[in-house]
PDB file of N, CA and C in Angstrom:
ATOM      1  N   MET A   1      99.341 101.678  93.587  1.00  0.00           N
ATOM      2  CA  MET A   1      99.473 100.593  94.544  1.00  0.00           C
ATOM      3  C   MET A   1     100.944 100.246  94.787  1.00  0.00           C
ATOM      4  N   TRP A   2     101.714 100.160  93.724  1.00  0.00           N
ATOM      5  CA  TRP A   2     103.134  99.807  93.871  1.00  0.00           C
ATOM      6  C   TRP A   2     103.894 100.899  94.615  1.00  0.00           C
ATOM      7  N   LEU A   3     103.505 102.129  94.398  1.00  0.00           N
ATOM      8  CA  LEU A   3     104.153 103.227  95.108  1.00  0.00           C
ATOM      9  C   LEU A   3     103.907 103.106  96.609  1.00  0.00           C
ATOM     10  N   TRP A   4     102.700 102.721  96.987  1.00  0.00           N
ATOM     11  CA  TRP A   4     102.377 102.529  98.397  1.00  0.00           C
ATOM     12  C   TRP A   4     103.195 101.386  99.003  1.00  0.00           C
ATOM     13  N   VAL A   5     103.365 100.294  98.271  1.00  0.00           N
ATOM     14  CA  VAL A   5     104.141  99.151  98.770  1.00  0.00           C
ATOM     15  C   VAL A   5     105.600  99.551  98.977  1.00  0.00           C
ATOM     16  N   VAL A   6     106.160 100.274  98.029  1.00  0.00           N
ATOM     17  CA  VAL A   6     107.549 100.725  98.150  1.00  0.00           C
ATOM     18  C   VAL A   6     107.688 101.678  99.336  1.00  0.00           C
ATOM     19  N   PHE A   7     106.739 102.598  99.479  1.00  0.00           N
ATOM     20  CA  PHE A   7     106.780 103.537 100.604  1.00  0.00           C
ATOM     21  C   PHE A   7     106.673 102.802 101.937  1.00  0.00           C
ATOM     22  N   ALA A   8     105.735 101.864 102.047  1.00  0.00           N
ATOM     23  CA  ALA A   8     105.535 101.129 103.298  1.00  0.00           C
ATOM     24  C   ALA A   8     106.778 100.314 103.656  1.00  0.00           C
ATOM     25  N   PHE A   9     107.353  99.634 102.679  1.00  0.00           N
ATOM     26  CA  PHE A   9     108.563  98.850 102.938  1.00  0.00           C
ATOM     27  C   PHE A   9     109.717  99.769 103.323  1.00  0.00           C
ATOM     28  N   GLY A  10     109.786 100.920 102.671  1.00  0.00           N
ATOM     29  CA  GLY A  10     110.843 101.879 102.974  1.00  0.00           C
ATOM     30  C   GLY A  10     110.706 102.514 104.345  1.00  0.00           C
ATOM     31  N   MET A  11     109.523 102.493 104.922  1.00  0.00           N
ATOM     32  CA  MET A  11     109.314 103.055 106.251  1.00  0.00           C
ATOM     33  C   MET A  11     109.348 102.000 107.365  1.00  0.00           C
ATOM     34  N   ILE A  12     108.875 100.807 107.076  1.00  0.00           N
ATOM     35  CA  ILE A  12     108.791  99.775 108.108  1.00  0.00           C
ATOM     36  C   ILE A  12     110.163  99.254 108.498  1.00  0.00           C
ATOM     37  N   VAL A  13     110.992  98.974 107.532  1.00  0.00           N
ATOM     38  CA  VAL A  13     112.318  98.405 107.830  1.00  0.00           C
ATOM     39  C   VAL A  13     113.158  99.365 108.675  1.00  0.00           C
ATOM     40  N   PRO A  14     113.284 100.646 108.313  1.00  0.00           N
ATOM     41  CA  PRO A  14     114.059 101.545 109.180  1.00  0.00           C
ATOM     42  C   PRO A  14     113.430 101.754 110.563  1.00  0.00           C
ATOM     43  N   SER A  15     112.103 101.733 110.641  1.00  0.00           N
ATOM     44  CA  SER A  15     111.491 101.928 111.956  1.00  0.00           C
ATOM     45  C   SER A  15     111.781 100.748 112.881  1.00  0.00           C
ATOM     46  N   PHE A  16     111.806  99.531 112.345  1.00  0.00           N
ATOM     47  CA  PHE A  16     112.195  98.373 113.169  1.00  0.00           C
ATOM     48  C   PHE A  16     113.651  98.504 113.613  1.00  0.00           C
ATOM     49  N   ALA A  17     114.515  98.986 112.735  1.00  0.00           N
ATOM     50  CA  ALA A  17     115.924  99.132 113.086  1.00  0.00           C
ATOM     51  C   ALA A  17     116.129 100.192 114.163  1.00  0.00           C
ATOM     52  N   VAL A  18     115.451 101.312 114.039  1.00  0.00           N
ATOM     53  CA  VAL A  18     115.582 102.384 115.033  1.00  0.00           C
ATOM     54  C   VAL A  18     115.018 101.935 116.378  1.00  0.00           C
ATOM     55  N   THR A  19     113.910 101.237 116.347  1.00  0.00           N
ATOM     56  CA  THR A  19     113.312 100.752 117.589  1.00  0.00           C
ATOM     57  C   THR A  19     114.212  99.726 118.265  1.00  0.00           C
ATOM     58  N   ALA A  20     114.827  98.846 117.479  1.00  0.00           N
ATOM     59  CA  ALA A  20     115.751  97.864 118.057  1.00  0.00           C
ATOM     60  C   ALA A  20     116.952  98.567 118.685  1.00  0.00           C
ATOM     61  N   ARG A  21     117.468  99.598 118.028  1.00  0.00           N
ATOM     62  CA  ARG A  21     118.582 100.352 118.598  1.00  0.00           C
ATOM     63  C   ARG A  21     118.191 101.028 119.908  1.00  0.00           C
ATOM     64  N   ARG A  22     116.973 101.559 119.958  1.00  0.00           N
ATOM     65  CA  ARG A  22     116.502 102.226 121.177  1.00  0.00           C
ATOM     66  C   ARG A  22     116.359 101.217 122.318  1.00  0.00           C
ATOM     67  N   LEU A  23     115.837 100.045 122.008  1.00  0.00           N
ATOM     68  CA  LEU A  23     115.723  99.022 123.046  1.00  0.00           C
ATOM     69  C   LEU A  23     117.099  98.549 123.501  1.00  0.00           C
ATOM     70  N   HIS A  24     118.057  98.504 122.608  1.00  0.00           N
ATOM     71  CA  HIS A  24     119.419  98.140 123.000  1.00  0.00           C
ATOM     72  C   HIS A  24     120.008  99.200 123.930  1.00  0.00           C
ATOM     73  N   ASP A  25     119.628 100.465 123.748  1.00  0.00           N
ATOM     74  CA  ASP A  25     120.118 101.524 124.633  1.00  0.00           C
ATOM     75  C   ASP A  25     119.689 101.304 126.076  1.00  0.00           C
ATOM     76  N   VAL A  26     118.525 100.715 126.271  1.00  0.00           N
ATOM     77  CA  VAL A  26     118.041 100.455 127.633  1.00  0.00           C
ATOM     78  C   VAL A  26     118.313  99.012 128.056  1.00  0.00           C
ATOM     79  N   ASN A  27     119.212  98.346 127.340  1.00  0.00           N
ATOM     80  CA  ASN A  27     119.671  96.988 127.655  1.00  0.00           C
ATOM     81  C   ASN A  27     118.554  95.940 127.522  1.00  0.00           C
ATOM     82  N   LYS A  28     117.707  96.107 126.519  1.00  0.00           N
ATOM     83  CA  LYS A  28     116.655  95.141 126.207  1.00  0.00           C
ATOM     84  C   LYS A  28     116.888  94.620 124.791  1.00  0.00           C
ATOM     85  N   SER A  29     116.386  93.450 124.513  1.00  0.00           N
ATOM     86  CA  SER A  29     116.529  92.871 123.185  1.00  0.00           C
ATOM     87  C   SER A  29     115.645  93.604 122.182  1.00  0.00           C
ATOM     88  N   GLY A  30     116.119  93.736 120.961  1.00  0.00           N
ATOM     89  CA  GLY A  30     115.342  94.375 119.906  1.00  0.00           C
ATOM     90  C   GLY A  30     114.117  93.578 119.517  1.00  0.00           C
ATOM     91  N   TRP A  31     114.139  92.277 119.789  1.00  0.00           N
ATOM     92  CA  TRP A  31     112.992  91.423 119.480  1.00  0.00           C
ATOM     93  C   TRP A  31     111.801  91.738 120.378  1.00  0.00           C
ATOM     94  N   LEU A  32     112.036  92.468 121.438  1.00  0.00           N
ATOM     95  CA  LEU A  32     110.964  92.818 122.368  1.00  0.00           C
ATOM     96  C   LEU A  32     109.872  93.644 121.689  1.00  0.00           C
ATOM     97  N   GLN A  33     110.212  94.345 120.611  1.00  0.00           N
ATOM     98  CA  GLN A  33     109.214  95.157 119.919  1.00  0.00           C
ATOM     99  C   GLN A  33     108.126  94.312 119.258  1.00  0.00           C
ATOM    100  N   LEU A  34     108.380  93.020 119.086  1.00  0.00           N
ATOM    101  CA  LEU A  34     107.383  92.128 118.491  1.00  0.00           C
ATOM    102  C   LEU A  34     106.463  91.501 119.534  1.00  0.00           C
ATOM    103  N   LEU A  35     106.668  91.820 120.791  1.00  0.00           N
ATOM    104  CA  LEU A  35     105.908  91.221 121.888  1.00  0.00           C
ATOM    105  C   LEU A  35     104.391  91.397 121.762  1.00  0.00           C
ATOM    106  N   PRO A  36     103.851  92.555 121.400  1.00  0.00           N
ATOM    107  CA  PRO A  36     102.389  92.701 121.336  1.00  0.00           C
ATOM    108  C   PRO A  36     101.741  92.065 120.107  1.00  0.00           C
ATOM    109  N   MET A  37     102.505  91.661 119.136  1.00  0.00           N
ATOM    110  CA  MET A  37     101.918  91.187 117.878  1.00  0.00           C
ATOM    111  C   MET A  37     101.054  89.929 118.021  1.00  0.00           C
ATOM    112  N   PRO A  38     101.465  88.893 118.770  1.00  0.00           N
ATOM    113  CA  PRO A  38     100.590  87.713 118.882  1.00  0.00           C
ATOM    114  C   PRO A  38      99.248  88.031 119.529  1.00  0.00           C
ATOM    115  N   THR A  39      99.263  88.846 120.586  1.00  0.00           N
ATOM    116  CA  THR A  39      97.983  89.165 121.234  1.00  0.00           C
ATOM    117  C   THR A  39      97.133  90.069 120.354  1.00  0.00           C
ATOM    118  N   ALA A  40      97.759  90.941 119.581  1.00  0.00           N
ATOM    119  CA  ALA A  40      96.990  91.790 118.660  1.00  0.00           C
ATOM    120  C   ALA A  40      96.343  90.946 117.570  1.00  0.00           C
ATOM    121  N   LEU A  41      97.060  89.948 117.067  1.00  0.00           N
ATOM    122  CA  LEU A  41      96.479  89.064 116.057  1.00  0.00           C
ATOM    123  C   LEU A  41      95.335  88.233 116.632  1.00  0.00           C
ATOM    124  N   LEU A  42      95.508  87.727 117.843  1.00  0.00           N
ATOM    125  CA  LEU A  42      94.428  86.975 118.481  1.00  0.00           C
ATOM    126  C   LEU A  42      93.211  87.862 118.729  1.00  0.00           C
ATOM    127  N   MET A  43      93.462  89.104 119.101  1.00  0.00           N
ATOM    128  CA  MET A  43      92.361  90.034 119.312  1.00  0.00           C
ATOM    129  C   MET A  43      91.563  90.225 118.024  1.00  0.00           C
ATOM    130  N   ASP A  44      92.262  90.382 116.899  1.00  0.00           N
ATOM    131  CA  ASP A  44      91.585  90.556 115.615  1.00  0.00           C
ATOM    132  C   ASP A  44      90.828  89.301 115.196  1.00  0.00           C
ATOM    133  N   LEU A  45      91.413  88.129 115.442  1.00  0.00           N
ATOM    134  CA  LEU A  45      90.757  86.884 115.055  1.00  0.00           C
ATOM    135  C   LEU A  45      89.503  86.597 115.879  1.00  0.00           C
ATOM    136  N   LEU A  46      89.555  86.936 117.155  1.00  0.00           N
ATOM    137  CA  LEU A  46      88.436  86.632 118.045  1.00  0.00           C
ATOM    138  C   LEU A  46      87.388  87.741 118.098  1.00  0.00           C
ATOM    139  N   GLU A  47      87.644  88.828 117.419  1.00  0.00           N
ATOM    140  CA  GLU A  47      86.744  89.981 117.500  1.00  0.00           C
ATOM    141  C   GLU A  47      85.320  89.646 117.053  1.00  0.00           C
ATOM    142  N   ARG A  48      85.192  88.851 116.026  1.00  0.00           N
ATOM    143  CA  ARG A  48      83.871  88.560 115.469  1.00  0.00           C
ATOM    144  C   ARG A  48      83.171  87.381 116.157  1.00  0.00           C
ATOM    145  N   THR A  49      83.921  86.549 116.860  1.00  0.00           N
ATOM    146  CA  THR A  49      83.309  85.352 117.427  1.00  0.00           C
ATOM    147  C   THR A  49      83.084  85.456 118.930  1.00  0.00           C
ATOM    148  N   GLN A  50      84.083  85.878 119.658  1.00  0.00           N
ATOM    149  CA  GLN A  50      83.986  85.907 121.111  1.00  0.00           C
ATOM    150  C   GLN A  50      84.334  87.308 121.610  1.00  0.00           C
ATOM    151  N   GLU A  51      83.313  88.044 121.995  1.00  0.00           N
ATOM    152  CA  GLU A  51      83.509  89.436 122.373  1.00  0.00           C
ATOM    153  C   GLU A  51      84.352  89.579 123.635  1.00  0.00           C
ATOM    154  N   PHE A  52      84.126  88.743 124.645  1.00  0.00           N
ATOM    155  CA  PHE A  52      84.871  88.853 125.897  1.00  0.00           C
ATOM    156  C   PHE A  52      86.356  88.555 125.690  1.00  0.00           C
ATOM    157  N   SER A  53      86.665  87.499 124.938  1.00  0.00           N
ATOM    158  CA  SER A  53      88.067  87.147 124.682  1.00  0.00           C
ATOM    159  C   SER A  53      88.758  88.250 123.898  1.00  0.00           C
ATOM    160  N   SER A  54      88.049  88.844 122.966  1.00  0.00           N
ATOM    161  CA  SER A  54      88.624  89.933 122.190  1.00  0.00           C
ATOM    162  C   SER A  54      88.959  91.116 123.095  1.00  0.00           C
ATOM    163  N   LEU A  55      88.068  91.424 124.033  1.00  0.00           N
ATOM    164  CA  LEU A  55      88.311  92.522 124.973  1.00  0.00           C
ATOM    165  C   LEU A  55      89.502  92.211 125.869  1.00  0.00           C
ATOM    166  N   LEU A  56      89.612  90.980 126.317  1.00  0.00           N
ATOM    167  CA  LEU A  56      90.735  90.571 127.157  1.00  0.00           C
ATOM    168  C   LEU A  56      92.060  90.732 126.413  1.00  0.00           C
ATOM    169  N   PHE A  57      92.108  90.263 125.169  1.00  0.00           N
ATOM    170  CA  PHE A  57      93.341  90.404 124.387  1.00  0.00           C
ATOM    171  C   PHE A  57      93.625  91.861 124.051  1.00  0.00           C
ATOM    172  N   ALA A  58      92.593  92.677 123.919  1.00  0.00           N
ATOM    173  CA  ALA A  58      92.794  94.112 123.677  1.00  0.00           C
ATOM    174  C   ALA A  58      93.449  94.765 124.885  1.00  0.00           C
ATOM    175  N   ILE A  59      93.028  94.394 126.080  1.00  0.00           N
ATOM    176  CA  ILE A  59      93.621  94.952 127.300  1.00  0.00           C
ATOM    177  C   ILE A  59      95.065  94.485 127.460  1.00  0.00           C
ATOM    178  N   ILE A  60      95.322  93.217 127.185  1.00  0.00           N
ATOM    179  CA  ILE A  60      96.693  92.691 127.264  1.00  0.00           C
ATOM    180  C   ILE A  60      97.589  93.390 126.246  1.00  0.00           C
ATOM    181  N   THR A  61      97.093  93.569 125.027  1.00  0.00           N
ATOM    182  CA  THR A  61      97.869  94.238 123.985  1.00  0.00           C
ATOM    183  C   THR A  61      98.179  95.674 124.377  1.00  0.00           C
ATOM    184  N   LEU A  62      97.191  96.372 124.910  1.00  0.00           N
ATOM    185  CA  LEU A  62      97.406  97.748 125.354  1.00  0.00           C
ATOM    186  C   LEU A  62      98.462  97.807 126.450  1.00  0.00           C
ATOM    187  N   GLY A  63      98.405  96.867 127.382  1.00  0.00           N
ATOM    188  CA  GLY A  63      99.413  96.818 128.441  1.00  0.00           C
ATOM    189  C   GLY A  63     100.813  96.584 127.897  1.00  0.00           C
ATOM    190  N   LEU A  64     100.936  95.718 126.902  1.00  0.00           N
ATOM    191  CA  LEU A  64     102.248  95.460 126.304  1.00  0.00           C
ATOM    192  C   LEU A  64     102.773  96.685 125.564  1.00  0.00           C
ATOM    193  N   TYR A  65     101.882  97.394 124.865  1.00  0.00           N
ATOM    194  CA  TYR A  65     102.298  98.624 124.186  1.00  0.00           C
ATOM    195  C   TYR A  65     102.701  99.705 125.195  1.00  0.00           C
ATOM    196  N   LEU A  66     102.006  99.782 126.316  1.00  0.00           N
ATOM    197  CA  LEU A  66     102.392 100.747 127.348  1.00  0.00           C
ATOM    198  C   LEU A  66     103.757 100.402 127.939  1.00  0.00           C
ATOM    199  N   TYR A  67     104.011  99.103 128.146  1.00  0.00           N
ATOM    200  CA  TYR A  67     105.326  98.683 128.634  1.00  0.00           C
ATOM    201  C   TYR A  67     106.425  99.090 127.647  1.00  0.00           C
ATOM    202  N   LEU A  68     106.186  98.866 126.360  1.00  0.00           N
ATOM    203  CA  LEU A  68     107.172  99.264 125.357  1.00  0.00           C
ATOM    204  C   LEU A  68     107.348 100.776 125.323  1.00  0.00           C
ATOM    205  N   PHE A  69     106.256 101.525 125.470  1.00  0.00           N
ATOM    206  CA  PHE A  69     106.355 102.980 125.486  1.00  0.00           C
ATOM    207  C   PHE A  69     107.244 103.453 126.633  1.00  0.00           C
ATOM    208  N   VAL A  70     107.090 102.842 127.794  1.00  0.00           N
ATOM    209  CA  VAL A  70     107.935 103.201 128.938  1.00  0.00           C
ATOM    210  C   VAL A  70     109.397 102.905 128.614  1.00  0.00           C
ATOM    211  N   GLN A  71     109.657 101.791 127.941  1.00  0.00           N
ATOM    212  CA  GLN A  71     111.029 101.457 127.554  1.00  0.00           C
ATOM    213  C   GLN A  71     111.581 102.471 126.551  1.00  0.00           C
ATOM    214  N   TYR A  72     110.731 102.934 125.643  1.00  0.00           N
ATOM    215  CA  TYR A  72     111.168 103.884 124.615  1.00  0.00           C
ATOM    216  C   TYR A  72     111.550 105.235 125.209  1.00  0.00           C
ATOM    217  N   VAL A  73     110.846 105.668 126.250  1.00  0.00           N
ATOM    218  CA  VAL A  73     111.086 107.017 126.782  1.00  0.00           C
ATOM    219  C   VAL A  73     112.016 107.020 127.997  1.00  0.00           C
ATOM    220  N   SER A  74     112.426 105.853 128.466  1.00  0.00           N
ATOM    221  CA  SER A  74     113.320 105.828 129.620  1.00  0.00           C
ATOM    222  C   SER A  74     114.747 106.150 129.187  1.00  0.00           C
ATOM    223  N   HIS A  75     115.531 106.567 130.167  1.00  0.00           N
ATOM    224  CA  HIS A  75     116.923 106.899 129.894  1.00  0.00           C
ATOM    225  C   HIS A  75     117.714 105.642 129.542  1.00  0.00           C
ATOM    226  N   GLY A  76     118.663 105.791 128.646  1.00  0.00           N
ATOM    227  CA  GLY A  76     119.529 104.679 128.292  1.00  0.00           C
ATOM    228  C   GLY A  76     120.526 104.393 129.400  1.00  0.00           C
ATOM    229  N   ASP A  77     121.195 103.270 129.292  1.00  0.00           N
ATOM    230  CA  ASP A  77     122.194 102.910 130.287  1.00  0.00           C
ATOM    231  C   ASP A  77     123.354 103.887 130.245  1.00  0.00           C
ATOM    232  N   LYS A  78     123.834 104.251 131.423  1.00  0.00           N
ATOM    233  CA  LYS A  78     124.991 105.146 131.505  1.00  0.00           C
ATOM    234  C   LYS A  78     126.287 104.394 131.236  1.00  0.00           C
ATOM    235  N   LYS A  79     126.266 103.099 131.477  1.00  0.00           N
ATOM    236  CA  LYS A  79     127.465 102.278 131.297  1.00  0.00           C
ATOM    237  C   LYS A  79     127.325 101.438 130.036  1.00  0.00           C
ATOM    238  N   ASP A  80     128.385 100.753 129.692  1.00  0.00           N
ATOM    239  CA  ASP A  80     128.323  99.807 128.582  1.00  0.00           C
ATOM    240  C   ASP A  80     127.388  98.667 128.979  1.00  0.00           C
ATOM    241  N   ASN A  81     126.687  98.104 128.001  1.00  0.00           N
ATOM    242  CA  ASN A  81     125.802  96.982 128.300  1.00  0.00           C
ATOM    243  C   ASN A  81     126.116  95.825 127.360  1.00  0.00           C
ATOM    244  N   LYS A  82     125.289  94.797 127.405  1.00  0.00           N
ATOM    245  CA  LYS A  82     125.584  93.596 126.612  1.00  0.00           C
ATOM    246  C   LYS A  82     125.434  93.828 125.111  1.00  0.00           C
ATOM    247  N   PHE A  83     124.885  94.968 124.708  1.00  0.00           N
ATOM    248  CA  PHE A  83     124.721  95.263 123.286  1.00  0.00           C
ATOM    249  C   PHE A  83     125.810  96.174 122.737  1.00  0.00           C
ATOM    250  N   GLY A  84     126.732  96.585 123.591  1.00  0.00           N
ATOM    251  CA  GLY A  84     127.846  97.388 123.107  1.00  0.00           C
ATOM    252  C   GLY A  84     128.228  98.483 124.074  1.00  0.00           C
ATOM    253  N   LYS A  85     129.203  99.252 123.642  1.00  0.00           N
ATOM    254  CA  LYS A  85     129.704 100.344 124.462  1.00  0.00           C
ATOM    255  C   LYS A  85     128.775 101.545 124.368  1.00  0.00           C
ATOM    256  N   ASN A  86     128.778 102.343 125.412  1.00  0.00           N
ATOM    257  CA  ASN A  86     128.004 103.574 125.432  1.00  0.00           C
ATOM    258  C   ASN A  86     128.689 104.591 124.526  1.00  0.00           C
ATOM    259  N   PRO A  87     128.046 105.038 123.446  1.00  0.00           N
ATOM    260  CA  PRO A  87     128.711 105.961 122.529  1.00  0.00           C
ATOM    261  C   PRO A  87     128.878 107.361 123.111  1.00  0.00           C
ATOM    262  N   TYR A  88     128.155 107.697 124.179  1.00  0.00           N
ATOM    263  CA  TYR A  88     128.236 109.030 124.750  1.00  0.00           C
ATOM    264  C   TYR A  88     129.154 109.101 125.957  1.00  0.00           C
ATOM    265  N   LYS A  89     129.704 107.976 126.338  1.00  0.00           N
ATOM    266  CA  LYS A  89     130.633 107.937 127.464  1.00  0.00           C
ATOM    267  C   LYS A  89     131.941 108.559 127.036  1.00  0.00           C
ATOM    268  N   LYS A  90     132.456 109.443 127.864  1.00  0.00           N
ATOM    269  CA  LYS A  90     133.717 110.112 127.540  1.00  0.00           C
ATOM    270  C   LYS A  90     134.858 109.111 127.668  1.00  0.00           C
ATOM    271  N   ARG A  91     135.640 109.038 126.647  1.00  0.00           N
ATOM    272  CA  ARG A  91     136.787 108.130 126.618  1.00  0.00           C
ATOM    273  C   ARG A  91     138.066 108.899 126.920  1.00  0.00           C
ATOM    274  N   LYS A  92     138.992 108.223 127.552  1.00  0.00           N
ATOM    275  CA  LYS A  92     140.297 108.832 127.796  1.00  0.00           C
ATOM    276  C   LYS A  92     141.106 108.829 126.507  1.00  0.00           C
ATOM    277  N   ILE A  93     141.692 109.955 126.203  1.00  0.00           N
ATOM    278  CA  ILE A  93     142.527 110.065 125.004  1.00  0.00           C
ATOM    279  C   ILE A  93     143.960 109.803 125.419  1.00  0.00           C
ATOM    280  N   ARG A  94     144.599 108.879 124.717  1.00  0.00           N
ATOM    281  CA  ARG A  94     145.986 108.544 125.051  1.00  0.00           C
ATOM    282  C   ARG A  94     146.938 109.296 124.190  1.00  0.00           C
TER     283      ARG A  94
END
């Protein structure tokens, strides 16, 4: 059990960091990756009591995940953005 906890913590923290960096590449906030979590939690809570509400939150959650997927696979900004300079932009050497 402890090995699983260490493994999960060792994988979750870097994945949040990499995802935040990717969102910064497309000039979006890293906190955007947490956007589907409230609707996913509501979907789980309402699953046993209200079937229609659970389905509605499932569709909303899926839409939010699709939006994030589009952000993940889109090209990064060619110019510098509010999160920093473009590391792939060719700099003039003085």
